[in-house]
Each structure stands twice: as structure tokens, then as C-alpha cells.
Amino acid sequence: MTARDEDVGKAGAHRGAAAKGLTTAKGERRRAELAEAAAAIVREEGPGALTHRAVAARAGASLSATTYYFTGLDDLLTAAGQALVAAWVEHARAVAAQAAQDLRGAGAPADQAARLLASAVLPPGDDDAVRAHYEHLLGAGRVPALARAIAAGRGELDAVVAQVVRLAGADVSPALVVAVVDGAVVTALTEQRPVRPGAAALLAQVLPGGS
């Protein structure tokens, strides 16, 4: 093989590798789109509504695309759970970023810290959105693949909540924060009370300086 032939071969190999990388990137994006569609179905209709056909219709994809990227329904449920947790964590990070800007390391009174922490744990939206979020979390517990995916990602949420705790100058564990908010949400929803004020008020009672 001449030097020129070797150079041509290397160039061809490089183009092939680049093309393969592009295909992989496109494939990853397509898979992520399908996972987001699956998560939206679970969030809006519950895990029982999740099928390959429903995901394909939601994503504007062919049915063969879902069966290509996901080996079965459990695989699709796992991806949906991962996407749900990712969206939850992203929202919590946005709250943490806002808290860092607002507090600038100065800490916060118990009531303000409680509002920040409740916002980090709760999903965005009104009380109906919170109700749907919790209803689908409970529904996920009956679907092993979905429950495992949510449990696996829960540590990421706890890490962001811990960050907001530090920014607020509080001294409580993320697990306690989440548990208090969860309990407050159940009480508020079952008694038709406003969710966010109730969660913040109860959380303030367990924070230093709260009453």
C-alpha cells in the first residue's frame, strides 16, 4: 500500500467513524424523544395507558421506531420513569439556582426557606398539576419497572434538595423535607386545601427558627 493509499484509507475510516457517531447521536435523540412521549403519557393518563402504539402516536413516530429502540414494555416504562425523574430534578435545580441568586449565601428565615424547599420538591403548576403528579407517583408503585426507575433517580432529587437546604441555612435531611412535603400534600388534597401554602407552613415547623 502506498502512502497515498494509506492516507485515503485513514480518511475513509475517519468519515465512517464520523458518520457512525452522527447516527448514534441521532438515535440517542430519537430515543429521548420517545422516552419523553412515554413520560407524558404516564404523567397525564397514568402507567396503564402506556403502550408502544400510544407512544408512537404521541411522538409522531412509526410503531416500528418504538420497538426498535425499546425491547419491550418494561424497557419503555423504565425510560418513562427516567424521563419523569429527570424533569423533576430539572425543576428542582431551577429552584436551587433561583435560591442561590436570591439568598446569596445569607440564609433565609424559616418561612422563606420552607417555601423554597416546598417549591423544590413539588412539581410546577397549580394544585391540579400537583394532584396528578402524586396520583401517578402512587400508580408507579404498582408497576415494578416504573417504580425501580423512579427509585433509582430519587438520589438526584435528594441531592438538589440538600443544596437548597444549605442555601436556606437549614439543618434538616432531604429525606425529612420530602416526607414532610409529601404528607402535607396528601392532607391538603384530601381536605381540599391549597397545597403549596400548607406544605410550606408544615415544613416551616420542622426548620430551625420555625414555629
N, C-alpha and C. Protein backbone atom coordinates (compact mmCIF):
# COMPACT_ATOMS: atom_id res chain seq x y z
N MET A 1 0.86 -1.20 0.00
CA MET A 1 0.00 0.00 0.00
C MET A 1 0.88 1.23 0.00
N THR A 2 0.61 2.19 -0.91
CA THR A 2 1.37 3.42 -0.96
C THR A 2 0.95 4.35 0.16
N ALA A 3 1.76 5.40 0.37
CA ALA A 3 1.43 6.39 1.41
C ALA A 3 0.10 7.05 1.10
N ARG A 4 -0.11 7.31 -0.23
CA ARG A 4 -1.38 7.93 -0.61
C ARG A 4 -2.55 7.01 -0.31
N ASP A 5 -2.39 5.72 -0.64
CA ASP A 5 -3.46 4.76 -0.36
C ASP A 5 -3.76 4.70 1.14
N GLU A 6 -2.70 4.78 1.96
CA GLU A 6 -2.87 4.73 3.41
C GLU A 6 -3.63 5.96 3.90
N ASP A 7 -3.27 7.14 3.32
CA ASP A 7 -3.96 8.37 3.71
C ASP A 7 -5.43 8.32 3.34
N VAL A 8 -5.69 7.80 2.12
CA VAL A 8 -7.09 7.69 1.68
C VAL A 8 -7.86 6.74 2.59
N GLY A 9 -7.22 5.63 2.95
CA GLY A 9 -7.87 4.68 3.83
C GLY A 9 -8.18 5.28 5.18
N LYS A 10 -7.22 6.05 5.73
CA LYS A 10 -7.45 6.70 7.02
C LYS A 10 -8.58 7.71 6.93
N ALA A 11 -8.60 8.47 5.81
CA ALA A 11 -9.66 9.46 5.64
C ALA A 11 -11.02 8.79 5.55
N GLY A 12 -11.07 7.67 4.82
CA GLY A 12 -12.33 6.94 4.71
C GLY A 12 -12.78 6.41 6.05
N ALA A 13 -11.82 5.88 6.82
CA ALA A 13 -12.16 5.37 8.15
C ALA A 13 -12.67 6.48 9.05
N HIS A 14 -12.03 7.67 8.94
CA HIS A 14 -12.45 8.81 9.76
C HIS A 14 -13.87 9.24 9.40
N ARG A 15 -14.17 9.29 8.08
CA ARG A 15 -15.52 9.66 7.66
C ARG A 15 -16.54 8.63 8.14
N GLY A 16 -16.14 7.34 8.08
CA GLY A 16 -17.05 6.30 8.55
C GLY A 16 -17.34 6.42 10.04
N ALA A 17 -16.27 6.72 10.81
CA ALA A 17 -16.46 6.88 12.25
C ALA A 17 -17.33 8.09 12.55
N ALA A 18 -17.11 9.18 11.79
CA ALA A 18 -17.92 10.38 11.99
C ALA A 18 -19.38 10.11 11.67
N ALA A 19 -19.60 9.38 10.56
CA ALA A 19 -20.98 9.06 10.17
C ALA A 19 -21.63 8.19 11.23
N LYS A 20 -20.87 7.23 11.76
CA LYS A 20 -21.41 6.37 12.80
C LYS A 20 -21.76 7.17 14.04
N GLY A 21 -20.89 8.14 14.39
CA GLY A 21 -21.16 8.99 15.55
C GLY A 21 -22.42 9.81 15.35
N LEU A 22 -22.60 10.33 14.12
CA LEU A 22 -23.79 11.13 13.83
C LEU A 22 -25.04 10.27 13.93
N THR A 23 -24.97 9.06 13.41
CA THR A 23 -26.10 8.15 13.50
C THR A 23 -26.43 7.84 14.95
N THR A 24 -25.39 7.63 15.76
CA THR A 24 -25.60 7.35 17.17
C THR A 24 -26.25 8.54 17.86
N ALA A 25 -25.78 9.73 17.57
CA ALA A 25 -26.34 10.94 18.17
C ALA A 25 -27.81 11.10 17.78
N LYS A 26 -28.11 10.85 16.51
CA LYS A 26 -29.50 10.94 16.06
C LYS A 26 -30.35 9.88 16.75
N GLY A 27 -29.78 8.70 16.87
CA GLY A 27 -30.50 7.63 17.53
C GLY A 27 -30.79 7.95 18.99
N GLU A 28 -29.81 8.54 19.67
CA GLU A 28 -30.00 8.93 21.06
C GLU A 28 -31.07 9.99 21.20
N ARG A 29 -31.07 10.94 20.26
CA ARG A 29 -32.10 11.99 20.30
C ARG A 29 -33.48 11.39 20.06
N ARG A 30 -33.57 10.47 19.11
CA ARG A 30 -34.86 9.86 18.81
C ARG A 30 -35.36 9.05 19.99
N ARG A 31 -34.45 8.31 20.62
CA ARG A 31 -34.84 7.53 21.79
C ARG A 31 -35.31 8.44 22.91
N ALA A 32 -34.61 9.57 23.09
CA ALA A 32 -35.00 10.52 24.14
C ALA A 32 -36.38 11.11 23.85
N GLU A 33 -36.67 11.38 22.59
CA GLU A 33 -37.99 11.91 22.21
C GLU A 33 -39.09 10.90 22.54
N LEU A 34 -38.83 9.64 22.26
CA LEU A 34 -39.81 8.61 22.55
C LEU A 34 -39.99 8.44 24.06
N ALA A 35 -38.88 8.54 24.81
CA ALA A 35 -38.97 8.45 26.27
C ALA A 35 -39.78 9.61 26.84
N GLU A 36 -39.58 10.82 26.28
CA GLU A 36 -40.36 11.98 26.73
C GLU A 36 -41.84 11.78 26.44
N ALA A 37 -42.14 11.22 25.29
CA ALA A 37 -43.54 10.94 24.94
C ALA A 37 -44.13 9.92 25.91
N ALA A 38 -43.35 8.91 26.25
CA ALA A 38 -43.81 7.90 27.21
C ALA A 38 -44.05 8.54 28.57
N ALA A 39 -43.15 9.42 29.00
CA ALA A 39 -43.30 10.10 30.28
C ALA A 39 -44.55 10.97 30.29
N ALA A 40 -44.83 11.64 29.20
CA ALA A 40 -46.01 12.50 29.12
C ALA A 40 -47.29 11.67 29.26
N ILE A 41 -47.30 10.51 28.66
CA ILE A 41 -48.48 9.64 28.76
C ILE A 41 -48.67 9.18 30.21
N VAL A 42 -47.58 8.76 30.85
CA VAL A 42 -47.67 8.33 32.25
C VAL A 42 -48.13 9.48 33.13
N ARG A 43 -47.59 10.66 32.88
CA ARG A 43 -47.91 11.84 33.71
C ARG A 43 -49.37 12.26 33.54
N GLU A 44 -49.88 12.18 32.32
CA GLU A 44 -51.22 12.68 32.04
C GLU A 44 -52.32 11.62 32.16
N GLU A 45 -51.97 10.37 31.85
CA GLU A 45 -53.01 9.33 31.81
C GLU A 45 -52.74 8.16 32.74
N GLY A 46 -51.54 8.11 33.30
CA GLY A 46 -51.20 7.00 34.17
C GLY A 46 -50.48 5.90 33.43
N PRO A 47 -49.73 5.05 34.16
CA PRO A 47 -48.94 4.00 33.52
C PRO A 47 -49.76 2.98 32.75
N GLY A 48 -51.03 2.80 33.13
CA GLY A 48 -51.86 1.83 32.43
C GLY A 48 -52.12 2.19 30.98
N ALA A 49 -51.94 3.48 30.64
CA ALA A 49 -52.20 3.93 29.27
C ALA A 49 -50.98 3.79 28.37
N LEU A 50 -49.87 3.37 28.94
CA LEU A 50 -48.62 3.32 28.17
C LEU A 50 -48.55 2.06 27.32
N THR A 51 -48.50 2.26 26.01
CA THR A 51 -48.28 1.17 25.05
C THR A 51 -47.32 1.68 23.98
N HIS A 52 -46.74 0.76 23.24
CA HIS A 52 -45.86 1.16 22.14
C HIS A 52 -46.64 2.02 21.13
N ARG A 53 -47.86 1.62 20.85
CA ARG A 53 -48.66 2.35 19.87
C ARG A 53 -48.98 3.77 20.35
N ALA A 54 -49.31 3.90 21.64
CA ALA A 54 -49.62 5.23 22.19
C ALA A 54 -48.41 6.13 22.16
N VAL A 55 -47.24 5.57 22.47
CA VAL A 55 -46.00 6.37 22.44
C VAL A 55 -45.67 6.81 21.02
N ALA A 56 -45.82 5.90 20.08
CA ALA A 56 -45.55 6.24 18.68
C ALA A 56 -46.46 7.37 18.22
N ALA A 57 -47.74 7.28 18.56
CA ALA A 57 -48.68 8.32 18.16
C ALA A 57 -48.34 9.65 18.81
N ARG A 58 -47.98 9.60 20.08
CA ARG A 58 -47.65 10.83 20.81
C ARG A 58 -46.40 11.49 20.25
N ALA A 59 -45.42 10.69 19.87
CA ALA A 59 -44.16 11.23 19.38
C ALA A 59 -44.18 11.51 17.88
N GLY A 60 -45.26 11.14 17.20
CA GLY A 60 -45.31 11.30 15.75
C GLY A 60 -44.33 10.38 15.06
N ALA A 61 -44.16 9.19 15.61
CA ALA A 61 -43.21 8.23 15.06
C ALA A 61 -43.95 6.97 14.61
N SER A 62 -43.24 6.13 13.90
CA SER A 62 -43.83 4.86 13.49
C SER A 62 -43.78 3.88 14.66
N LEU A 63 -44.68 2.91 14.62
CA LEU A 63 -44.68 1.89 15.66
C LEU A 63 -43.37 1.12 15.66
N SER A 64 -42.79 0.95 14.49
CA SER A 64 -41.52 0.21 14.41
C SER A 64 -40.39 0.95 15.12
N ALA A 65 -40.50 2.27 15.22
CA ALA A 65 -39.46 3.04 15.91
C ALA A 65 -39.43 2.71 17.39
N THR A 66 -40.61 2.58 17.99
CA THR A 66 -40.63 2.27 19.42
C THR A 66 -40.13 0.86 19.70
N THR A 67 -40.46 -0.07 18.83
CA THR A 67 -39.99 -1.44 19.04
C THR A 67 -38.52 -1.59 18.68
N TYR A 68 -37.99 -0.66 17.88
CA TYR A 68 -36.57 -0.68 17.56
C TYR A 68 -35.74 -0.20 18.75
N TYR A 69 -36.20 0.89 19.38
CA TYR A 69 -35.42 1.50 20.47
C TYR A 69 -35.72 0.89 21.84
N PHE A 70 -36.87 0.22 21.98
CA PHE A 70 -37.24 -0.36 23.27
C PHE A 70 -37.65 -1.81 23.06
N THR A 71 -36.99 -2.68 23.81
CA THR A 71 -37.17 -4.12 23.57
C THR A 71 -38.54 -4.63 24.00
N GLY A 72 -39.16 -3.95 24.95
CA GLY A 72 -40.47 -4.39 25.42
C GLY A 72 -41.11 -3.30 26.25
N LEU A 73 -42.26 -3.58 26.81
CA LEU A 73 -42.99 -2.57 27.58
C LEU A 73 -42.23 -2.18 28.85
N ASP A 74 -41.56 -3.14 29.50
CA ASP A 74 -40.79 -2.81 30.70
C ASP A 74 -39.67 -1.83 30.37
N ASP A 75 -39.04 -2.03 29.22
CA ASP A 75 -37.98 -1.11 28.78
C ASP A 75 -38.54 0.28 28.55
N LEU A 76 -39.72 0.36 27.98
CA LEU A 76 -40.38 1.63 27.73
C LEU A 76 -40.79 2.30 29.05
N LEU A 77 -41.30 1.51 29.98
CA LEU A 77 -41.68 2.03 31.29
C LEU A 77 -40.46 2.55 32.05
N THR A 78 -39.35 1.85 31.94
CA THR A 78 -38.12 2.31 32.59
C THR A 78 -37.69 3.65 32.03
N ALA A 79 -37.73 3.79 30.71
CA ALA A 79 -37.35 5.04 30.08
C ALA A 79 -38.30 6.17 30.49
N ALA A 80 -39.58 5.86 30.59
CA ALA A 80 -40.55 6.87 31.02
C ALA A 80 -40.25 7.32 32.44
N GLY A 81 -39.95 6.37 33.33
CA GLY A 81 -39.62 6.72 34.71
C GLY A 81 -38.38 7.58 34.78
N GLN A 82 -37.37 7.24 33.99
CA GLN A 82 -36.14 8.04 33.98
C GLN A 82 -36.40 9.46 33.48
N ALA A 83 -37.26 9.59 32.48
CA ALA A 83 -37.59 10.91 31.95
C ALA A 83 -38.40 11.72 32.96
N LEU A 84 -39.29 11.07 33.68
CA LEU A 84 -40.08 11.75 34.71
C LEU A 84 -39.18 12.29 35.81
N VAL A 85 -38.25 11.47 36.27
CA VAL A 85 -37.34 11.90 37.32
C VAL A 85 -36.44 13.03 36.82
N ALA A 86 -35.98 12.92 35.58
CA ALA A 86 -35.12 13.96 35.01
C ALA A 86 -35.83 15.30 34.99
N ALA A 87 -37.12 15.31 34.61
CA ALA A 87 -37.88 16.55 34.59
C ALA A 87 -38.08 17.10 36.00
N TRP A 88 -38.32 16.22 36.95
CA TRP A 88 -38.50 16.58 38.35
C TRP A 88 -37.22 17.23 38.88
N VAL A 89 -36.08 16.59 38.61
CA VAL A 89 -34.78 17.10 39.06
C VAL A 89 -34.45 18.43 38.39
N GLU A 90 -34.77 18.54 37.11
CA GLU A 90 -34.51 19.79 36.39
C GLU A 90 -35.27 20.95 37.03
N HIS A 91 -36.53 20.70 37.40
CA HIS A 91 -37.31 21.74 38.07
C HIS A 91 -36.68 22.11 39.42
N ALA A 92 -36.27 21.10 40.18
CA ALA A 92 -35.65 21.36 41.48
C ALA A 92 -34.36 22.17 41.31
N ARG A 93 -33.60 21.86 40.28
CA ARG A 93 -32.36 22.61 40.03
C ARG A 93 -32.65 24.08 39.69
N ALA A 94 -33.74 24.32 38.97
CA ALA A 94 -34.12 25.69 38.65
C ALA A 94 -34.46 26.45 39.94
N VAL A 95 -35.14 25.78 40.87
CA VAL A 95 -35.45 26.40 42.17
C VAL A 95 -34.16 26.68 42.93
N ALA A 96 -33.23 25.72 42.90
CA ALA A 96 -31.96 25.89 43.60
C ALA A 96 -31.17 27.07 43.01
N ALA A 97 -31.19 27.19 41.69
CA ALA A 97 -30.48 28.29 41.04
C ALA A 97 -31.08 29.63 41.44
N GLN A 98 -32.40 29.69 41.51
CA GLN A 98 -33.07 30.92 41.92
C GLN A 98 -32.79 31.22 43.39
N ALA A 99 -32.75 30.18 44.21
CA ALA A 99 -32.44 30.36 45.63
C ALA A 99 -31.03 30.90 45.81
N ALA A 100 -30.09 30.38 45.03
CA ALA A 100 -28.71 30.86 45.12
C ALA A 100 -28.62 32.33 44.76
N GLN A 101 -29.41 32.75 43.79
CA GLN A 101 -29.39 34.16 43.37
C GLN A 101 -30.08 35.04 44.42
N ASP A 102 -31.19 34.57 44.97
CA ASP A 102 -31.96 35.39 45.91
C ASP A 102 -31.28 35.50 47.27
N LEU A 103 -30.71 34.38 47.74
CA LEU A 103 -30.17 34.36 49.10
C LEU A 103 -28.72 34.81 49.16
N ARG A 104 -27.97 34.49 48.12
CA ARG A 104 -26.55 34.88 48.04
C ARG A 104 -25.79 34.50 49.32
N GLY A 105 -26.05 33.29 49.80
CA GLY A 105 -25.31 32.77 50.94
C GLY A 105 -25.73 33.33 52.28
N ALA A 106 -26.79 34.12 52.31
CA ALA A 106 -27.19 34.78 53.56
C ALA A 106 -28.14 33.94 54.39
N GLY A 107 -28.57 32.79 53.88
CA GLY A 107 -29.56 32.00 54.59
C GLY A 107 -30.93 32.62 54.42
N ALA A 108 -31.91 32.09 55.13
CA ALA A 108 -33.27 32.59 54.97
C ALA A 108 -34.06 32.33 56.24
N PRO A 109 -35.05 33.19 56.55
CA PRO A 109 -35.96 32.89 57.65
C PRO A 109 -36.66 31.56 57.38
N ALA A 110 -37.18 30.95 58.45
CA ALA A 110 -37.79 29.62 58.31
C ALA A 110 -38.92 29.60 57.29
N ASP A 111 -39.75 30.65 57.27
CA ASP A 111 -40.88 30.63 56.34
C ASP A 111 -40.42 30.73 54.90
N GLN A 112 -39.40 31.54 54.63
CA GLN A 112 -38.88 31.65 53.27
C GLN A 112 -38.17 30.36 52.86
N ALA A 113 -37.38 29.79 53.78
CA ALA A 113 -36.70 28.53 53.50
C ALA A 113 -37.71 27.43 53.20
N ALA A 114 -38.82 27.42 53.96
CA ALA A 114 -39.85 26.41 53.75
C ALA A 114 -40.48 26.54 52.38
N ARG A 115 -40.75 27.77 51.95
CA ARG A 115 -41.33 27.97 50.61
C ARG A 115 -40.38 27.49 49.52
N LEU A 116 -39.09 27.79 49.69
CA LEU A 116 -38.10 27.36 48.71
C LEU A 116 -38.03 25.84 48.64
N LEU A 117 -37.99 25.21 49.80
CA LEU A 117 -37.87 23.75 49.83
C LEU A 117 -39.13 23.07 49.29
N ALA A 118 -40.29 23.61 49.63
CA ALA A 118 -41.53 23.05 49.09
C ALA A 118 -41.56 23.18 47.57
N SER A 119 -41.09 24.31 47.06
CA SER A 119 -41.06 24.51 45.60
C SER A 119 -40.12 23.54 44.92
N ALA A 120 -39.01 23.21 45.59
CA ALA A 120 -38.04 22.29 45.00
C ALA A 120 -38.60 20.87 44.92
N VAL A 121 -39.41 20.49 45.90
CA VAL A 121 -39.95 19.12 45.93
C VAL A 121 -41.18 18.98 45.05
N LEU A 122 -42.03 20.00 45.06
CA LEU A 122 -43.28 19.92 44.30
C LEU A 122 -43.05 20.18 42.82
N PRO A 123 -43.89 19.63 41.96
CA PRO A 123 -43.78 19.92 40.52
C PRO A 123 -44.31 21.32 40.24
N PRO A 124 -43.96 21.89 39.11
CA PRO A 124 -44.54 23.20 38.75
C PRO A 124 -46.02 23.05 38.44
N GLY A 125 -46.74 24.15 38.55
CA GLY A 125 -48.16 24.11 38.19
C GLY A 125 -49.07 24.33 39.37
N ASP A 126 -50.37 24.27 39.11
CA ASP A 126 -51.37 24.52 40.14
C ASP A 126 -51.65 23.24 40.94
N ASP A 127 -52.66 23.31 41.80
CA ASP A 127 -52.96 22.16 42.64
C ASP A 127 -53.39 20.94 41.83
N ASP A 128 -54.04 21.16 40.69
CA ASP A 128 -54.42 20.03 39.84
C ASP A 128 -53.18 19.32 39.30
N ALA A 129 -52.16 20.10 38.96
CA ALA A 129 -50.91 19.51 38.48
C ALA A 129 -50.22 18.72 39.58
N VAL A 130 -50.27 19.25 40.80
CA VAL A 130 -49.68 18.53 41.94
C VAL A 130 -50.44 17.24 42.19
N ARG A 131 -51.77 17.31 42.14
CA ARG A 131 -52.59 16.11 42.35
C ARG A 131 -52.23 15.03 41.31
N ALA A 132 -52.16 15.43 40.06
CA ALA A 132 -51.83 14.47 39.01
C ALA A 132 -50.44 13.86 39.24
N HIS A 133 -49.50 14.68 39.65
CA HIS A 133 -48.14 14.22 39.91
C HIS A 133 -48.15 13.14 40.98
N TYR A 134 -48.84 13.38 42.07
CA TYR A 134 -48.85 12.41 43.17
C TYR A 134 -49.68 11.18 42.84
N GLU A 135 -50.75 11.36 42.11
CA GLU A 135 -51.54 10.21 41.71
C GLU A 135 -50.71 9.25 40.85
N HIS A 136 -49.92 9.82 39.95
CA HIS A 136 -49.12 8.98 39.07
C HIS A 136 -47.92 8.39 39.79
N LEU A 137 -47.40 9.10 40.81
CA LEU A 137 -46.35 8.50 41.62
C LEU A 137 -46.87 7.27 42.35
N LEU A 138 -48.08 7.38 42.89
CA LEU A 138 -48.68 6.23 43.56
C LEU A 138 -48.95 5.10 42.57
N GLY A 139 -49.41 5.47 41.39
CA GLY A 139 -49.65 4.46 40.36
C GLY A 139 -48.36 3.77 39.94
N ALA A 140 -47.27 4.51 39.95
CA ALA A 140 -45.98 3.93 39.56
C ALA A 140 -45.56 2.83 40.51
N GLY A 141 -45.98 2.93 41.76
CA GLY A 141 -45.62 1.92 42.74
C GLY A 141 -46.20 0.55 42.43
N ARG A 142 -47.22 0.52 41.58
CA ARG A 142 -47.83 -0.77 41.20
C ARG A 142 -47.20 -1.34 39.93
N VAL A 143 -46.26 -0.61 39.36
CA VAL A 143 -45.61 -1.06 38.11
C VAL A 143 -44.11 -1.20 38.39
N PRO A 144 -43.62 -2.40 38.59
CA PRO A 144 -42.24 -2.61 39.04
C PRO A 144 -41.17 -1.88 38.23
N ALA A 145 -41.25 -1.93 36.91
CA ALA A 145 -40.22 -1.29 36.07
C ALA A 145 -40.21 0.22 36.28
N LEU A 146 -41.39 0.81 36.37
CA LEU A 146 -41.50 2.25 36.58
C LEU A 146 -41.04 2.63 37.98
N ALA A 147 -41.43 1.84 38.97
CA ALA A 147 -41.04 2.10 40.35
C ALA A 147 -39.52 2.03 40.52
N ARG A 148 -38.90 1.04 39.89
CA ARG A 148 -37.44 0.91 40.00
C ARG A 148 -36.74 2.11 39.39
N ALA A 149 -37.24 2.58 38.26
CA ALA A 149 -36.60 3.72 37.58
C ALA A 149 -36.72 4.98 38.43
N ILE A 150 -37.88 5.19 39.04
CA ILE A 150 -38.07 6.38 39.88
C ILE A 150 -37.21 6.28 41.14
N ALA A 151 -37.16 5.10 41.75
CA ALA A 151 -36.35 4.91 42.94
C ALA A 151 -34.87 5.15 42.64
N ALA A 152 -34.42 4.68 41.47
CA ALA A 152 -33.02 4.84 41.10
C ALA A 152 -32.63 6.30 40.93
N GLY A 153 -33.58 7.12 40.48
CA GLY A 153 -33.27 8.53 40.26
C GLY A 153 -33.57 9.43 41.44
N ARG A 154 -34.15 8.85 42.50
CA ARG A 154 -34.56 9.67 43.64
C ARG A 154 -33.36 10.33 44.32
N GLY A 155 -32.20 9.68 44.27
CA GLY A 155 -31.00 10.25 44.87
C GLY A 155 -30.62 11.58 44.26
N GLU A 156 -30.89 11.75 42.95
CA GLU A 156 -30.59 13.02 42.29
C GLU A 156 -31.46 14.13 42.86
N LEU A 157 -32.73 13.84 43.09
CA LEU A 157 -33.62 14.84 43.67
C LEU A 157 -33.16 15.18 45.09
N ASP A 158 -32.81 14.16 45.87
CA ASP A 158 -32.35 14.40 47.24
C ASP A 158 -31.11 15.30 47.24
N ALA A 159 -30.22 15.11 46.27
CA ALA A 159 -29.00 15.92 46.21
C ALA A 159 -29.33 17.38 45.94
N VAL A 160 -30.31 17.63 45.07
CA VAL A 160 -30.69 19.02 44.78
C VAL A 160 -31.41 19.62 45.98
N VAL A 161 -32.28 18.85 46.62
CA VAL A 161 -32.97 19.35 47.83
C VAL A 161 -31.94 19.68 48.91
N ALA A 162 -30.90 18.85 49.04
CA ALA A 162 -29.83 19.13 50.00
C ALA A 162 -29.14 20.45 49.68
N GLN A 163 -28.99 20.74 48.41
CA GLN A 163 -28.39 22.01 48.00
C GLN A 163 -29.26 23.19 48.42
N VAL A 164 -30.57 23.06 48.23
CA VAL A 164 -31.49 24.13 48.65
C VAL A 164 -31.49 24.26 50.17
N VAL A 165 -31.39 23.15 50.88
CA VAL A 165 -31.31 23.19 52.34
C VAL A 165 -30.10 24.00 52.78
N ARG A 166 -28.96 23.76 52.15
CA ARG A 166 -27.75 24.50 52.51
C ARG A 166 -27.90 25.98 52.19
N LEU A 167 -28.45 26.28 51.02
CA LEU A 167 -28.64 27.68 50.63
C LEU A 167 -29.57 28.40 51.60
N ALA A 168 -30.56 27.68 52.10
CA ALA A 168 -31.52 28.29 53.01
C ALA A 168 -30.99 28.37 54.44
N GLY A 169 -29.83 27.77 54.67
CA GLY A 169 -29.25 27.80 56.00
C GLY A 169 -29.97 26.90 56.98
N ALA A 170 -30.69 25.91 56.48
CA ALA A 170 -31.43 24.98 57.34
C ALA A 170 -30.54 23.81 57.72
N ASP A 171 -31.00 23.00 58.64
CA ASP A 171 -30.23 21.84 59.10
C ASP A 171 -31.17 20.65 59.22
N VAL A 172 -31.67 20.19 58.11
CA VAL A 172 -32.55 19.02 58.07
C VAL A 172 -32.12 18.14 56.91
N SER A 173 -32.50 16.89 56.96
CA SER A 173 -32.14 15.97 55.89
C SER A 173 -33.10 16.12 54.71
N PRO A 174 -32.61 15.89 53.50
CA PRO A 174 -33.51 15.94 52.32
C PRO A 174 -34.67 14.96 52.46
N ALA A 175 -34.40 13.79 53.05
CA ALA A 175 -35.47 12.79 53.19
C ALA A 175 -36.59 13.32 54.07
N LEU A 176 -36.24 14.06 55.13
CA LEU A 176 -37.26 14.63 56.01
C LEU A 176 -38.06 15.70 55.28
N VAL A 177 -37.37 16.53 54.51
CA VAL A 177 -38.05 17.57 53.73
C VAL A 177 -39.08 16.96 52.79
N VAL A 178 -38.66 15.95 52.05
CA VAL A 178 -39.56 15.30 51.09
C VAL A 178 -40.73 14.64 51.81
N ALA A 179 -40.44 13.98 52.92
CA ALA A 179 -41.50 13.29 53.65
C ALA A 179 -42.53 14.28 54.20
N VAL A 180 -42.07 15.41 54.72
CA VAL A 180 -43.00 16.41 55.25
C VAL A 180 -43.85 17.00 54.13
N VAL A 181 -43.23 17.32 53.02
CA VAL A 181 -43.99 17.86 51.89
C VAL A 181 -44.99 16.84 51.38
N ASP A 182 -44.55 15.59 51.25
CA ASP A 182 -45.47 14.53 50.78
C ASP A 182 -46.69 14.43 51.71
N GLY A 183 -46.45 14.42 53.01
CA GLY A 183 -47.56 14.32 53.96
C GLY A 183 -48.48 15.51 53.89
N ALA A 184 -47.90 16.70 53.76
CA ALA A 184 -48.70 17.92 53.66
C ALA A 184 -49.56 17.92 52.40
N VAL A 185 -49.00 17.41 51.31
CA VAL A 185 -49.74 17.36 50.05
C VAL A 185 -50.95 16.44 50.18
N VAL A 186 -50.74 15.27 50.75
CA VAL A 186 -51.85 14.32 50.91
C VAL A 186 -52.97 14.94 51.76
N THR A 187 -52.59 15.58 52.85
CA THR A 187 -53.59 16.22 53.71
C THR A 187 -54.34 17.33 52.98
N ALA A 188 -53.58 18.18 52.30
CA ALA A 188 -54.20 19.31 51.60
C ALA A 188 -55.15 18.85 50.50
N LEU A 189 -54.72 17.85 49.74
CA LEU A 189 -55.55 17.38 48.63
C LEU A 189 -56.81 16.68 49.11
N THR A 190 -56.68 15.89 50.18
CA THR A 190 -57.85 15.16 50.66
C THR A 190 -58.83 16.08 51.37
N GLU A 191 -58.35 17.23 51.87
CA GLU A 191 -59.23 18.17 52.58
C GLU A 191 -59.55 19.40 51.73
N GLN A 192 -59.14 19.35 50.45
CA GLN A 192 -59.40 20.45 49.51
C GLN A 192 -58.87 21.79 50.03
N ARG A 193 -57.64 21.76 50.50
CA ARG A 193 -56.96 22.97 50.94
C ARG A 193 -55.87 23.32 49.94
N PRO A 194 -55.45 24.59 49.88
CA PRO A 194 -54.34 24.95 48.99
C PRO A 194 -53.08 24.16 49.33
N VAL A 195 -52.45 23.60 48.33
CA VAL A 195 -51.33 22.69 48.57
C VAL A 195 -50.06 23.40 48.99
N ARG A 196 -49.61 24.37 48.23
CA ARG A 196 -48.31 24.97 48.47
C ARG A 196 -48.23 25.70 49.81
N PRO A 197 -49.20 26.54 50.16
CA PRO A 197 -49.13 27.18 51.48
C PRO A 197 -49.13 26.17 52.62
N GLY A 198 -49.93 25.11 52.46
CA GLY A 198 -49.98 24.09 53.51
C GLY A 198 -48.66 23.36 53.66
N ALA A 199 -48.04 23.02 52.54
CA ALA A 199 -46.75 22.32 52.59
C ALA A 199 -45.68 23.20 53.20
N ALA A 200 -45.65 24.48 52.81
CA ALA A 200 -44.65 25.39 53.34
C ALA A 200 -44.86 25.64 54.83
N ALA A 201 -46.12 25.77 55.26
CA ALA A 201 -46.40 26.03 56.67
C ALA A 201 -45.98 24.86 57.55
N LEU A 202 -46.27 23.64 57.09
CA LEU A 202 -45.88 22.47 57.87
C LEU A 202 -44.37 22.29 57.88
N LEU A 203 -43.75 22.53 56.76
CA LEU A 203 -42.30 22.39 56.67
C LEU A 203 -41.60 23.42 57.55
N ALA A 204 -42.14 24.61 57.64
CA ALA A 204 -41.54 25.66 58.47
C ALA A 204 -41.44 25.23 59.93
N GLN A 205 -42.37 24.37 60.35
CA GLN A 205 -42.39 23.94 61.74
C GLN A 205 -41.22 23.03 62.09
N VAL A 206 -40.63 22.37 61.09
CA VAL A 206 -39.51 21.47 61.39
C VAL A 206 -38.16 22.12 61.10
N LEU A 207 -38.18 23.35 60.58
CA LEU A 207 -36.92 24.05 60.31
C LEU A 207 -36.47 24.84 61.52
N PRO A 208 -35.15 24.99 61.71
CA PRO A 208 -34.68 25.82 62.82
C PRO A 208 -35.25 27.23 62.74
N GLY A 209 -35.75 27.72 63.84
CA GLY A 209 -36.34 29.05 63.87
C GLY A 209 -37.80 29.06 63.51
N GLY A 210 -38.34 27.90 63.11
CA GLY A 210 -39.74 27.83 62.76
C GLY A 210 -40.62 27.70 63.98
N SER A 211 -41.92 27.79 63.77
CA SER A 211 -42.82 27.69 64.91
C SER A 211 -44.07 26.89 64.50
